[in-house]
C-alpha atoms as a PDB file:
ATOM      1  CA  MET A   1     -16.265  34.537 134.942  1.00  0.00           C
ATOM      2  CA  MET A   2     -20.016  34.626 135.485  1.00  0.00           C
ATOM      3  CA  LYS A   3     -22.028  33.905 132.346  1.00  0.00           C
ATOM      4  CA  ARG A   4     -25.454  34.723 130.620  1.00  0.00           C
ATOM      5  CA  SER A   5     -28.426  35.113 127.840  1.00  0.00           C
ATOM      6  CA  ARG A   6     -31.030  33.078 123.699  1.00  0.00           C
ATOM      7  CA  SER A   7     -32.297  31.948 118.333  1.00  0.00           C
ATOM      8  CA  LEU A   8     -30.310  30.469 115.703  1.00  0.00           C
ATOM      9  CA  ASN A   9     -31.232  28.783 112.460  1.00  0.00           C
ATOM     10  CA  PRO A  10     -29.628  25.313 112.394  1.00  0.00           C
ATOM     11  CA  PRO A  11     -26.968  24.947 109.697  1.00  0.00           C
ATOM     12  CA  LEU A  12     -28.541  23.281 106.664  1.00  0.00           C
ATOM     13  CA  ALA A  13     -25.691  20.814 106.312  1.00  0.00           C
ATOM     14  CA  ALA A  14     -26.093  19.644 109.894  1.00  0.00           C
ATOM     15  CA  ALA A  15     -29.837  19.250 109.490  1.00  0.00           C
ATOM     16  CA  LEU A  16     -29.367  17.188 106.327  1.00  0.00           C
ATOM     17  CA  ALA A  17     -26.704  15.076 108.006  1.00  0.00           C
ATOM     18  CA  TRP A  18     -29.084  14.342 110.854  1.00  0.00           C
ATOM     19  CA  ALA A  19     -31.830  13.370 108.399  1.00  0.00           C
ATOM     20  CA  ILE A  20     -29.449  11.028 106.595  1.00  0.00           C
ATOM     21  CA  GLY A  21     -28.576   9.496 109.965  1.00  0.00           C
ATOM     22  CA  ALA A  22     -32.151   8.244 110.370  1.00  0.00           C
ATOM     23  CA  SER A  23     -32.915   4.780 109.036  1.00  0.00           C
ATOM     24  CA  ALA A  24     -36.177   3.069 108.240  1.00  0.00           C
ATOM     25  CA  ALA A  25     -36.081   1.561 111.704  1.00  0.00           C
ATOM     26  CA  GLY A  26     -35.920   5.007 113.310  1.00  0.00           C
ATOM     27  CA  PRO A  27     -33.253   7.595 114.145  1.00  0.00           C
ATOM     28  CA  VAL A  28     -29.753   6.470 114.985  1.00  0.00           C
ATOM     29  CA  SER A  29     -28.979   7.057 118.670  1.00  0.00           C
ATOM     30  CA  LEU A  30     -26.687   9.927 119.563  1.00  0.00           C
ATOM     31  CA  ARG A  31     -24.065   7.593 121.006  1.00  0.00           C
ATOM     32  CA  GLN A  32     -24.134   5.509 117.821  1.00  0.00           C
ATOM     33  CA  GLN A  33     -23.733   8.653 115.723  1.00  0.00           C
ATOM     34  CA  LEU A  34     -20.713   9.608 117.796  1.00  0.00           C
ATOM     35  CA  LYS A  35     -19.287   6.109 117.524  1.00  0.00           C
ATOM     36  CA  GLU A  36     -19.407   6.349 113.746  1.00  0.00           C
ATOM     37  CA  THR A  37     -17.502   9.638 113.588  1.00  0.00           C
ATOM     38  CA  PRO A  38     -13.688   9.708 113.150  1.00  0.00           C
ATOM     39  CA  PHE A  39     -13.286  12.198 116.006  1.00  0.00           C
ATOM     40  CA  LYS A  40     -11.663  12.070 119.415  1.00  0.00           C
ATOM     41  CA  ILE A  41     -11.839  14.400 122.410  1.00  0.00           C
ATOM     42  CA  ALA A  42      -8.901  15.477 124.570  1.00  0.00           C
ATOM     43  CA  TYR A  43      -9.561  16.601 128.140  1.00  0.00           C
ATOM     44  CA  GLU A  44      -7.954  17.088 131.551  1.00  0.00           C
ATOM     45  CA  SER A  45      -8.628  14.787 134.504  1.00  0.00           C
ATOM     46  CA  TYR A  46      -7.346  14.423 138.081  1.00  0.00           C
ATOM     47  CA  VAL A  47      -6.173  10.824 138.549  1.00  0.00           C
ATOM     48  CA  ASP A  48      -4.235   9.364 141.492  1.00  0.00           C
ATOM     49  CA  GLY A  49      -3.263  12.776 142.825  1.00  0.00           C
ATOM     50  CA  ASN A  50      -2.121  14.157 139.465  1.00  0.00           C
ATOM     51  CA  TRP A  51      -3.626  16.226 136.666  1.00  0.00           C
ATOM     52  CA  GLU A  52      -3.270  14.421 133.333  1.00  0.00           C
ATOM     53  CA  ILE A  53      -4.437  14.904 129.750  1.00  0.00           C
ATOM     54  CA  PHE A  54      -6.515  12.090 128.303  1.00  0.00           C
ATOM     55  CA  SER A  55      -8.080  11.425 124.936  1.00  0.00           C
ATOM     56  CA  MET A  56     -11.109   9.267 124.169  1.00  0.00           C
ATOM     57  CA  ASN A  57     -13.228   8.349 121.208  1.00  0.00           C
ATOM     58  CA  ALA A  58     -16.151  10.652 120.466  1.00  0.00           C
ATOM     59  CA  ASP A  59     -18.573   8.197 122.088  1.00  0.00           C
ATOM     60  CA  GLY A  60     -16.510   8.098 125.303  1.00  0.00           C
ATOM     61  CA  SER A  61     -14.887   4.736 124.651  1.00  0.00           C
ATOM     62  CA  GLN A  62     -11.189   3.872 125.021  1.00  0.00           C
ATOM     63  CA  PRO A  63      -9.908   6.695 127.249  1.00  0.00           C
ATOM     64  CA  VAL A  64      -6.104   6.937 127.115  1.00  0.00           C
ATOM     65  CA  ASN A  65      -3.776   8.848 129.449  1.00  0.00           C
ATOM     66  CA  LEU A  66      -1.564  10.834 127.064  1.00  0.00           C
ATOM     67  CA  THR A  67       0.781  12.312 129.647  1.00  0.00           C
ATOM     68  CA  GLY A  68       1.274  10.022 132.672  1.00  0.00           C
ATOM     69  CA  THR A  69       3.741  12.327 134.420  1.00  0.00           C
ATOM     70  CA  PRO A  70       3.704  12.180 138.251  1.00  0.00           C
ATOM     71  CA  GLY A  71       4.865  15.499 139.691  1.00  0.00           C
ATOM     72  CA  ILE A  72       3.829  17.494 136.620  1.00  0.00           C
ATOM     73  CA  HIS A  73       0.203  18.597 136.296  1.00  0.00           C
ATOM     74  CA  GLU A  74      -1.119  19.024 132.752  1.00  0.00           C
ATOM     75  CA  HIS A  75      -4.189  21.078 131.817  1.00  0.00           C
ATOM     76  CA  PHE A  76      -6.140  22.779 129.054  1.00  0.00           C
ATOM     77  CA  PRO A  77      -5.493  20.661 125.928  1.00  0.00           C
ATOM     78  CA  GLN A  78      -6.006  22.494 122.655  1.00  0.00           C
ATOM     79  CA  VAL A  79      -5.701  20.612 119.368  1.00  0.00           C
ATOM     80  CA  ALA A  80      -4.352  22.020 116.098  1.00  0.00           C
ATOM     81  CA  ALA A  81      -6.807  22.146 113.206  1.00  0.00           C
ATOM     82  CA  GLY A  82      -5.032  19.276 111.457  1.00  0.00           C
ATOM     83  CA  GLY A  83      -5.387  17.101 114.552  1.00  0.00           C
ATOM     84  CA  GLY A  84      -1.706  16.205 114.700  1.00  0.00           C
ATOM     85  CA  GLN A  85      -0.569  18.177 117.730  1.00  0.00           C
ATOM     86  CA  ILE A  86      -1.924  19.196 121.113  1.00  0.00           C
ATOM     87  CA  CYS A  87      -0.726  22.240 123.017  1.00  0.00           C
ATOM     88  CA  TYR A  88      -1.393  22.514 126.729  1.00  0.00           C
ATOM     89  CA  VAL A  89      -0.076  23.991 129.952  1.00  0.00           C
ATOM     90  CA  ALA A  90       1.802  22.124 132.682  1.00  0.00           C
ATOM     91  CA  ASP A  91       2.255  23.120 136.329  1.00  0.00           C
ATOM     92  CA  GLU A  92       5.430  22.290 138.248  1.00  0.00           C
ATOM     93  CA  GLY A  93       5.855  23.169 141.923  1.00  0.00           C
ATOM     94  CA  GLU A  94       3.284  24.009 144.577  1.00  0.00           C
ATOM     95  CA  GLY A  95       1.440  27.092 145.828  1.00  0.00           C
ATOM     96  CA  ARG A  96       2.646  30.535 144.771  1.00  0.00           C
ATOM     97  CA  ASP A  97       5.915  28.988 143.546  1.00  0.00           C
ATOM     98  CA  THR A  98       4.137  26.978 140.853  1.00  0.00           C
ATOM     99  CA  VAL A  99       5.399  27.601 137.329  1.00  0.00           C
ATOM    100  CA  ARG A 100       2.807  27.143 134.577  1.00  0.00           C
ATOM    101  CA  SER A 101       4.400  26.551 131.178  1.00  0.00           C
ATOM    102  CA  LEU A 102       3.333  26.079 127.563  1.00  0.00           C
ATOM    103  CA  TRP A 103       3.979  22.624 126.104  1.00  0.00           C
ATOM    104  CA  VAL A 104       3.231  20.800 122.857  1.00  0.00           C
ATOM    105  CA  MET A 105       2.984  17.101 121.990  1.00  0.00           C
ATOM    106  CA  ASP A 106       1.742  14.824 119.244  1.00  0.00           C
ATOM    107  CA  HIS A 107      -1.927  13.846 119.391  1.00  0.00           C
ATOM    108  CA  ASP A 108      -0.944  10.447 120.812  1.00  0.00           C
ATOM    109  CA  GLY A 109       1.178  11.934 123.626  1.00  0.00           C
ATOM    110  CA  ARG A 110       4.592  11.444 122.015  1.00  0.00           C
ATOM    111  CA  HIS A 111       7.324  14.048 121.538  1.00  0.00           C
ATOM    112  CA  ARG A 112       6.349  16.302 124.453  1.00  0.00           C
ATOM    113  CA  LYS A 113       8.265  19.575 124.519  1.00  0.00           C
ATOM    114  CA  LYS A 114       8.247  22.612 126.795  1.00  0.00           C
ATOM    115  CA  LEU A 115       8.092  25.909 124.887  1.00  0.00           C
ATOM    116  CA  VAL A 116       7.630  28.873 127.262  1.00  0.00           C
ATOM    117  CA  ASP A 117       7.484  29.380 131.041  1.00  0.00           C
ATOM    118  CA  HIS A 118       4.859  31.543 132.805  1.00  0.00           C
ATOM    119  CA  ALA A 119       2.451  31.013 129.899  1.00  0.00           C
ATOM    120  CA  ARG A 120      -1.311  30.462 130.072  1.00  0.00           C
ATOM    121  CA  GLU A 121      -4.408  29.782 127.980  1.00  0.00           C
ATOM    122  CA  PRO A 122      -2.787  28.545 124.724  1.00  0.00           C
ATOM    123  CA  PHE A 123      -4.629  28.587 121.390  1.00  0.00           C
ATOM    124  CA  TRP A 124      -3.712  27.536 117.853  1.00  0.00           C
ATOM    125  CA  SER A 125      -3.526  29.629 114.713  1.00  0.00           C
ATOM    126  CA  PRO A 126      -5.740  28.173 111.963  1.00  0.00           C
ATOM    127  CA  ASP A 127      -2.720  26.950 109.984  1.00  0.00           C
ATOM    128  CA  GLY A 128      -1.267  25.086 112.985  1.00  0.00           C
ATOM    129  CA  LYS A 129       2.086  26.851 112.688  1.00  0.00           C
ATOM    130  CA  THR A 130       1.750  29.193 115.650  1.00  0.00           C
ATOM    131  CA  ILE A 131       0.525  28.858 119.234  1.00  0.00           C
ATOM    132  CA  GLY A 132      -0.850  31.958 120.898  1.00  0.00           C
ATOM    133  CA  PHE A 133      -0.717  32.269 124.669  1.00  0.00           C
ATOM    134  CA  LEU A 134      -1.300  34.770 127.474  1.00  0.00           C
ATOM    135  CA  PRO A 135       1.722  35.678 129.615  1.00  0.00           C
ATOM    136  CA  GLN A 136       1.236  35.453 133.363  1.00  0.00           C
ATOM    137  CA  GLU A 137       0.543  38.818 134.997  1.00  0.00           C
ATOM    138  CA  TYR A 138       3.135  38.568 137.806  1.00  0.00           C
ATOM    139  CA  PRO A 139       5.981  36.107 138.543  1.00  0.00           C
ATOM    140  CA  LYS A 140       4.241  34.577 141.564  1.00  0.00           C
ATOM    141  CA  PHE A 141       1.531  32.086 140.595  1.00  0.00           C
ATOM    142  CA  ASN A 142      -2.201  32.653 140.969  1.00  0.00           C
ATOM    143  CA  VAL A 143      -4.759  30.098 139.771  1.00  0.00           C
ATOM    144  CA  ILE A 144      -7.356  32.695 138.705  1.00  0.00           C
ATOM    145  CA  ASP A 145      -7.839  32.342 134.961  1.00  0.00           C
ATOM    146  CA  TYR A 146      -7.660  36.053 134.096  1.00  0.00           C
ATOM    147  CA  TYR A 147      -4.275  36.477 135.860  1.00  0.00           C
ATOM    148  CA  THR A 148      -2.770  37.521 132.510  1.00  0.00           C
ATOM    149  CA  LYS A 149      -1.179  40.530 130.868  1.00  0.00           C
ATOM    150  CA  GLY A 150      -0.551  40.830 127.131  1.00  0.00           C
ATOM    151  CA  MET A 151      -0.654  38.231 124.372  1.00  0.00           C
ATOM    152  CA  SER A 152       2.174  36.463 122.545  1.00  0.00           C
ATOM    153  CA  PHE A 153       2.694  34.023 119.687  1.00  0.00           C
ATOM    154  CA  TYR A 154       5.147  31.125 119.562  1.00  0.00           C
ATOM    155  CA  ASP A 155       6.358  30.131 116.081  1.00  0.00           C
ATOM    156  CA  LEU A 156       6.876  26.360 116.015  1.00  0.00           C
ATOM    157  CA  ALA A 157       9.280  26.491 113.058  1.00  0.00           C
ATOM    158  CA  THR A 158      11.642  29.130 114.449  1.00  0.00           C
ATOM    159  CA  GLY A 159      11.083  28.835 118.198  1.00  0.00           C
ATOM    160  CA  GLN A 160      10.650  32.593 118.355  1.00  0.00           C
ATOM    161  CA  THR A 161       8.095  34.349 120.561  1.00  0.00           C
ATOM    162  CA  THR A 162       6.633  37.657 119.397  1.00  0.00           C
ATOM    163  CA  PRO A 163       4.088  39.881 121.148  1.00  0.00           C
ATOM    164  CA  HIS A 164       0.700  40.708 119.684  1.00  0.00           C
ATOM    165  CA  PRO A 165       0.929  44.178 118.030  1.00  0.00           C
ATOM    166  CA  ASN A 166      -1.526  45.524 120.621  1.00  0.00           C
ATOM    167  CA  SER A 167      -0.133  43.462 123.501  1.00  0.00           C
ATOM    168  CA  ALA A 168       0.442  46.416 125.827  1.00  0.00           C
ATOM    169  CA  ARG A 169      -3.291  47.130 125.879  1.00  0.00           C
ATOM    170  CA  LEU A 170      -4.412  43.528 126.489  1.00  0.00           C
ATOM    171  CA  HIS A 171      -5.002  42.801 130.171  1.00  0.00           C
ATOM    172  CA  HIS A 172      -6.962  40.205 132.165  1.00  0.00           C
ATOM    173  CA  LEU A 173      -7.970  38.135 129.149  1.00  0.00           C
ATOM    174  CA  TYR A 174      -8.733  34.429 129.295  1.00  0.00           C
ATOM    175  CA  ASN A 175      -9.912  31.583 127.053  1.00  0.00           C
ATOM    176  CA  PRO A 176      -8.794  33.042 123.690  1.00  0.00           C
ATOM    177  CA  CYS A 177      -9.465  31.280 120.388  1.00  0.00           C
ATOM    178  CA  PHE A 178      -8.714  32.120 116.768  1.00  0.00           C
ATOM    179  CA  ALA A 179     -11.482  32.527 114.213  1.00  0.00           C
ATOM    180  CA  PRO A 180     -10.979  30.152 111.265  1.00  0.00           C
ATOM    181  CA  ASN A 181     -10.157  33.098 108.974  1.00  0.00           C
ATOM    182  CA  GLY A 182      -7.192  33.989 111.204  1.00  0.00           C
ATOM    183  CA  GLN A 183      -8.246  37.645 111.360  1.00  0.00           C
ATOM    184  CA  TRP A 184      -9.872  37.704 114.789  1.00  0.00           C
ATOM    185  CA  ILE A 185      -9.293  36.248 118.228  1.00  0.00           C
ATOM    186  CA  ALA A 186     -12.249  35.839 120.592  1.00  0.00           C
ATOM    187  CA  ALA A 187     -11.591  36.030 124.343  1.00  0.00           C
ATOM    188  CA  THR A 188     -13.149  36.976 127.663  1.00  0.00           C
ATOM    189  CA  VAL A 189     -11.902  39.972 129.628  1.00  0.00           C
ATOM    190  CA  HIS A 190     -12.497  40.413 133.342  1.00  0.00           C
ATOM    191  CA  ALA A 191     -11.698  43.658 135.198  1.00  0.00           C
ATOM    192  CA  GLY A 192      -9.328  44.914 132.523  1.00  0.00           C
ATOM    193  CA  MET A 193      -9.061  47.123 129.430  1.00  0.00           C
ATOM    194  CA  GLY A 194     -11.877  49.330 130.702  1.00  0.00           C
ATOM    195  CA  PHE A 195     -14.353  46.452 130.946  1.00  0.00           C
ATOM    196  CA  GLY A 196     -15.912  44.898 134.001  1.00  0.00           C
ATOM    197  CA  HIS A 197     -16.633  41.683 132.110  1.00  0.00           C
ATOM    198  CA  ALA A 198     -17.105  41.140 128.361  1.00  0.00           C
ATOM    199  CA  ILE A 199     -16.523  38.878 125.379  1.00  0.00           C
ATOM    200  CA  LEU A 200     -14.302  40.576 122.827  1.00  0.00           C
ATOM    201  CA  LEU A 201     -13.035  40.088 119.301  1.00  0.00           C
ATOM    202  CA  ILE A 202      -9.393  41.169 119.060  1.00  0.00           C
ATOM    203  CA  GLU A 203      -7.854  41.852 115.671  1.00  0.00           C
ATOM    204  CA  ALA A 204      -5.095  39.256 115.286  1.00  0.00           C
ATOM    205  CA  ARG A 205      -2.648  41.516 113.436  1.00  0.00           C
ATOM    206  CA  GLY A 206      -3.945  44.951 114.345  1.00  0.00           C
ATOM    207  CA  SER A 207      -5.267  47.140 117.118  1.00  0.00           C
ATOM    208  CA  ARG A 208      -9.040  46.884 116.741  1.00  0.00           C
ATOM    209  CA  ILE A 209     -11.083  45.486 119.614  1.00  0.00           C
ATOM    210  CA  VAL A 210     -14.799  44.753 119.164  1.00  0.00           C
ATOM    211  CA  ASN A 211     -17.101  44.225 122.120  1.00  0.00           C
ATOM    212  CA  LEU A 212     -19.856  41.640 121.572  1.00  0.00           C
ATOM    213  CA  PRO A 213     -22.458  42.986 124.016  1.00  0.00           C
ATOM    214  CA  ARG A 214     -25.084  40.340 123.252  1.00  0.00           C
ATOM    215  CA  LEU A 215     -22.745  37.654 124.568  1.00  0.00           C
ATOM    216  CA  THR A 216     -23.028  38.175 128.299  1.00  0.00           C
ATOM    217  CA  GLY A 217     -20.851  35.483 129.800  1.00  0.00           C
ATOM    218  CA  CYS A 218     -17.469  33.881 129.194  1.00  0.00           C
ATOM    219  CA  ARG A 219     -15.245  31.354 127.397  1.00  0.00           C
ATOM    220  CA  PRO A 220     -16.188  31.863 123.729  1.00  0.00           C
ATOM    221  CA  CYS A 221     -15.607  29.185 121.102  1.00  0.00           C
ATOM    222  CA  ILE A 222     -16.010  29.946 117.380  1.00  0.00           C
ATOM    223  CA  SER A 223     -17.411  27.201 115.136  1.00  0.00           C
ATOM    224  CA  PRO A 224     -15.156  25.567 112.504  1.00  0.00           C
ATOM    225  CA  ASP A 225     -16.928  27.435 109.686  1.00  0.00           C
ATOM    226  CA  GLY A 226     -16.695  30.768 111.535  1.00  0.00           C
ATOM    227  CA  ARG A 227     -20.455  31.348 111.304  1.00  0.00           C
ATOM    228  CA  HIS A 228     -21.434  30.685 114.910  1.00  0.00           C
ATOM    229  CA  ILE A 229     -20.060  31.253 118.363  1.00  0.00           C
ATOM    230  CA  ALA A 230     -20.747  29.264 121.526  1.00  0.00           C
ATOM    231  CA  TRP A 231     -20.025  30.374 125.086  1.00  0.00           C
ATOM    232  CA  GLY A 232     -21.089  30.139 128.717  1.00  0.00           C
ATOM    233  CA  MET A 233     -24.148  32.339 129.238  1.00  0.00           C
ATOM    234  CA  THR A 234     -24.489  31.701 132.979  1.00  0.00           C
ATOM    235  CA  ASP A 235     -23.034  29.143 135.362  1.00  0.00           C
ATOM    236  CA  ASN A 236     -25.902  26.837 134.328  1.00  0.00           C
ATOM    237  CA  GLU A 237     -26.436  27.666 130.640  1.00  0.00           C
ATOM    238  CA  LEU A 238     -24.431  27.376 127.439  1.00  0.00           C
ATOM    239  CA  GLY A 239     -25.394  29.483 124.462  1.00  0.00           C
ATOM    240  CA  VAL A 240     -24.975  29.706 120.689  1.00  0.00           C
ATOM    241  CA  ALA A 241     -25.375  32.671 118.346  1.00  0.00           C
ATOM    242  CA  GLU A 242     -24.787  33.422 114.689  1.00  0.00           C
ATOM    243  CA  LEU A 243     -21.563  35.330 114.025  1.00  0.00           C
ATOM    244  CA  ASP A 244     -20.836  37.701 111.132  1.00  0.00           C
ATOM    245  CA  LEU A 245     -17.081  38.112 110.799  1.00  0.00           C
ATOM    246  CA  ALA A 246     -17.353  39.644 107.315  1.00  0.00           C
ATOM    247  CA  ALA A 247     -18.953  42.854 108.605  1.00  0.00           C
ATOM    248  CA  GLU A 248     -16.689  45.872 109.054  1.00  0.00           C
ATOM    249  CA  ASN A 249     -17.419  45.582 112.758  1.00  0.00           C
ATOM    250  CA  PRO A 250     -18.277  41.924 113.413  1.00  0.00           C
ATOM    251  CA  VAL A 251     -21.610  41.294 115.101  1.00  0.00           C
ATOM    252  CA  THR A 252     -23.585  38.394 116.527  1.00  0.00           C
ATOM    253  CA  GLY A 253     -27.188  37.359 116.062  1.00  0.00           C
ATOM    254  CA  GLN A 254     -29.700  36.839 118.826  1.00  0.00           C
ATOM    255  CA  PRO A 255     -28.324  34.374 121.397  1.00  0.00           C
ATOM    256  CA  ARG A 256     -30.161  31.167 122.232  1.00  0.00           C
ATOM    257  CA  VAL A 257     -29.758  28.709 125.068  1.00  0.00           C
ATOM    258  CA  ALA A 258     -28.298  25.438 123.778  1.00  0.00           C
ATOM    259  CA  VAL A 259     -27.710  23.570 127.048  1.00  0.00           C
ATOM    260  CA  GLN A 260     -29.077  24.152 130.540  1.00  0.00           C
ATOM    261  CA  ASP A 261     -28.913  22.525 133.957  1.00  0.00           C
ATOM    262  CA  LYS A 262     -30.684  24.070 136.944  1.00  0.00           C
ATOM    263  CA  HIS A 263     -28.453  22.460 139.562  1.00  0.00           C
ATOM    264  CA  LEU A 264     -25.076  21.568 138.024  1.00  0.00           C
ATOM    265  CA  GLN A 265     -22.702  24.052 136.441  1.00  0.00           C
ATOM    266  CA  THR A 266     -21.983  23.852 132.694  1.00  0.00           C
ATOM    267  CA  TYR A 267     -18.736  25.118 131.148  1.00  0.00           C
ATOM    268  CA  HIS A 268     -16.020  24.639 128.504  1.00  0.00           C
ATOM    269  CA  ILE A 269     -18.162  24.298 125.384  1.00  0.00           C
ATOM    270  CA  ASP A 270     -16.398  23.148 122.197  1.00  0.00           C
ATOM    271  CA  TRP A 271     -17.474  22.407 118.587  1.00  0.00           C
ATOM    272  CA  SER A 272     -16.797  19.130 116.806  1.00  0.00           C
ATOM    273  CA  PRO A 273     -14.672  19.527 113.643  1.00  0.00           C
ATOM    274  CA  ASP A 274     -17.763  19.137 111.444  1.00  0.00           C
ATOM    275  CA  GLY A 275     -19.843  21.563 113.519  1.00  0.00           C
ATOM    276  CA  ARG A 276     -22.541  18.938 114.250  1.00  0.00           C
ATOM    277  CA  TYR A 277     -21.893  18.399 117.956  1.00  0.00           C
ATOM    278  CA  LEU A 278     -21.088  20.365 121.079  1.00  0.00           C
ATOM    279  CA  CYS A 279     -19.181  18.932 124.024  1.00  0.00           C
ATOM    280  CA  PHE A 280     -18.947  20.551 127.449  1.00  0.00           C
ATOM    281  CA  SER A 281     -18.065  19.838 131.063  1.00  0.00           C
ATOM    282  CA  ARG A 282     -20.625  19.679 133.852  1.00  0.00           C
ATOM    283  CA  GLY A 283     -20.497  19.290 137.598  1.00  0.00           C
ATOM    284  CA  PRO A 284     -21.372  20.634 141.050  1.00  0.00           C
ATOM    285  CA  GLU A 285     -20.307  24.037 142.306  1.00  0.00           C
ATOM    286  CA  GLY A 286     -17.103  23.926 144.353  1.00  0.00           C
ATOM    287  CA  LYS A 287     -14.061  25.847 145.531  1.00  0.00           C
ATOM    288  CA  GLY A 288     -11.433  23.131 145.233  1.00  0.00           C
ATOM    289  CA  ASP A 289      -9.256  21.357 147.794  1.00  0.00           C
ATOM    290  CA  PRO A 290      -5.731  22.842 148.069  1.00  0.00           C
ATOM    291  CA  THR A 291      -4.600  19.898 150.221  1.00  0.00           C
ATOM    292  CA  LYS A 292      -4.524  17.712 147.116  1.00  0.00           C
ATOM    293  CA  PRO A 293      -1.229  17.824 145.159  1.00  0.00           C
ATOM    294  CA  GLY A 294      -1.236  20.277 142.277  1.00  0.00           C
ATOM    295  CA  THR A 295      -4.636  21.763 143.106  1.00  0.00           C
ATOM    296  CA  PHE A 296      -5.680  25.197 144.294  1.00  0.00           C
ATOM    297  CA  GLY A 297      -8.534  26.941 146.043  1.00  0.00           C
ATOM    298  CA  ALA A 298     -10.727  29.331 144.066  1.00  0.00           C
ATOM    299  CA  ASP A 299     -14.369  30.380 143.854  1.00  0.00           C
ATOM    300  CA  TYR A 300     -15.039  28.332 140.718  1.00  0.00           C
ATOM    301  CA  ALA A 301     -14.624  24.621 140.124  1.00  0.00           C
ATOM    302  CA  PRO A 302     -14.343  25.168 136.322  1.00  0.00           C
ATOM    303  CA  ILE A 303     -10.956  26.907 136.635  1.00  0.00           C
ATOM    304  CA  MET A 304      -8.073  24.690 135.553  1.00  0.00           C
ATOM    305  CA  GLY A 305      -6.094  23.515 138.560  1.00  0.00           C
ATOM    306  CA  VAL A 306      -9.116  23.620 140.873  1.00  0.00           C
ATOM    307  CA  TYR A 307     -10.123  20.162 142.081  1.00  0.00           C
ATOM    308  CA  ALA A 308     -13.681  19.526 140.882  1.00  0.00           C
ATOM    309  CA  PRO A 309     -15.099  16.179 142.048  1.00  0.00           C
ATOM    310  CA  GLY A 310     -18.199  15.058 140.187  1.00  0.00           C
ATOM    311  CA  TRP A 311     -17.322  16.862 136.943  1.00  0.00           C
ATOM    312  CA  ASN A 312     -17.846  14.972 133.691  1.00  0.00           C
ATOM    313  CA  ILE A 313     -17.951  15.599 129.955  1.00  0.00           C
ATOM    314  CA  GLY A 314     -21.088  15.387 127.808  1.00  0.00           C
ATOM    315  CA  VAL A 315     -22.149  15.858 124.182  1.00  0.00           C
ATOM    316  CA  VAL A 316     -25.304  17.200 122.525  1.00  0.00           C
ATOM    317  CA  ARG A 317     -26.199  17.888 118.897  1.00  0.00           C
ATOM    318  CA  ALA A 318     -25.504  21.447 117.769  1.00  0.00           C
ATOM    319  CA  ASP A 319     -28.691  21.504 115.655  1.00  0.00           C
ATOM    320  CA  HIS A 320     -31.070  20.567 118.476  1.00  0.00           C
ATOM    321  CA  ALA A 321     -34.392  22.375 118.035  1.00  0.00           C
ATOM    322  CA  GLY A 322     -34.356  23.921 121.518  1.00  0.00           C
ATOM    323  CA  PRO A 323     -32.394  23.932 124.745  1.00  0.00           C
ATOM    324  CA  VAL A 324     -31.227  20.533 125.982  1.00  0.00           C
ATOM    325  CA  ASP A 325     -32.233  20.256 129.633  1.00  0.00           C
ATOM    326  CA  LEU A 326     -29.463  18.057 131.014  1.00  0.00           C
ATOM    327  CA  GLU A 327     -31.540  16.988 133.999  1.00  0.00           C
ATOM    328  CA  SER A 328     -34.310  15.457 131.882  1.00  0.00           C
ATOM    329  CA  ALA A 329     -32.619  14.729 128.524  1.00  0.00           C
ATOM    330  CA  GLY A 330     -32.716  11.170 127.238  1.00  0.00           C
ATOM    331  CA  SER A 331     -30.141   9.202 125.268  1.00  0.00           C
ATOM    332  CA  ALA A 332     -31.343  10.705 121.982  1.00  0.00           C
ATOM    333  CA  ASP A 333     -30.333  14.194 123.104  1.00  0.00           C
ATOM    334  CA  LEU A 334     -27.446  13.738 125.562  1.00  0.00           C
ATOM    335  CA  VAL A 335     -24.474  11.420 125.967  1.00  0.00           C
ATOM    336  CA  MET A 336     -22.279  11.680 129.058  1.00  0.00           C
ATOM    337  CA  LEU A 337     -18.877  10.552 127.816  1.00  0.00           C
ATOM    338  CA  THR A 338     -17.284  10.279 131.255  1.00  0.00           C
ATOM    339  CA  THR A 339     -18.994   9.154 134.426  1.00  0.00           C
ATOM    340  CA  ASN A 340     -16.160   8.747 136.959  1.00  0.00           C
ATOM    341  CA  GLY A 341     -16.348  12.372 138.176  1.00  0.00           C
ATOM    342  CA  LEU A 342     -12.543  12.760 138.236  1.00  0.00           C
ATOM    343  CA  SER A 343     -12.480  16.515 137.551  1.00  0.00           C
ATOM    344  CA  ASN A 344     -13.003  15.913 133.839  1.00  0.00           C
ATOM    345  CA  LYS A 345     -12.844  19.353 132.235  1.00  0.00           C
ATOM    346  CA  GLU A 346     -11.715  21.391 129.219  1.00  0.00           C
ATOM    347  CA  PRO A 347     -12.765  19.022 126.401  1.00  0.00           C
ATOM    348  CA  ALA A 348     -11.320  19.646 122.929  1.00  0.00           C
ATOM    349  CA  TRP A 349     -12.467  17.807 119.811  1.00  0.00           C
ATOM    350  CA  PHE A 350     -10.042  16.683 117.148  1.00  0.00           C
ATOM    351  CA  ARG A 351      -9.720  14.412 114.138  1.00  0.00           C
ATOM    352  CA  PRO A 352      -6.514  12.364 114.291  1.00  0.00           C
ATOM    353  CA  PRO A 353      -4.517  12.551 111.038  1.00  0.00           C
ATOM    354  CA  ALA A 354      -4.772   8.785 110.484  1.00  0.00           C
ATOM    355  CA  ALA A 355      -8.559   9.094 110.382  1.00  0.00           C
ATOM    356  CA  LYS A 356      -8.645  11.625 107.545  1.00  0.00           C
ATOM    357  CA  ASN A 357      -8.904   9.101 104.717  1.00  0.00           C
END
């Protein structure tokens, strides 16, 4: 759960796009760039004693509560590549009797459906037909993110759940994500599978497991083109590195710091669909407040279900020349999309289907 580590050549397309974004009057502001994109961001927030999933425009405007379900606490939105559906987890009950389940809904919050009980950390296959998830380690609930054992896949067409072919070996994983080629799944492991703490690539349909030793930290996120990986390097730094998935044993390039904050924690990094922007959550260190409905105590505010006052969601450009220091960054380099501090965490970019044309 602790994170860590630093050089990456900016993607040429992103650099050209940024150059095009500059006018004769000077560069377009970051917020204006975001306003002109067709993207939205889904995220979790704690509102009126309840965890809900919201979406907002890429510039932070027009936040909408997609769930609005008192008594059910929704977390961890993950959006299918086509932008049409969001999978997430929902908690019902309190304390050790809480049941965390896998759900799916349309991108606008309609047609919500429960799929599997005792399921955590969902992630989409690149074709949007399957949702991977991590089964809960034991029947009694624990909020710790790596409280998992195995890996399974839910087929949306058939409603069938099948285990990963190497599921018996997979233990204490969290924050998995598919590579765009569908061949690999990146995830963090903590105190399991012979590792103290590591970021791994897991063969999606086989038994190979590749340790990425340069990526000291947690919560990996692979870019939409599969050529870069972002993750939490330390509690106060987010990193990016080149990623070679075509090699027989995939490897990463030299890590670089993309975002840093000396006082506030930074977590939950995610790529925009075009790879030009990175969003993340940021807030003070905390251990939660279990007296609040649907929340739990834990050592880390970033864990879903842990009340995290003061946490908000920000965006930076992925092609920034050096680390963005969040404490000193101006409006050209940083946009804070939320400012209410209502435990805003786990941002996930998407492009709604209606915005494709």
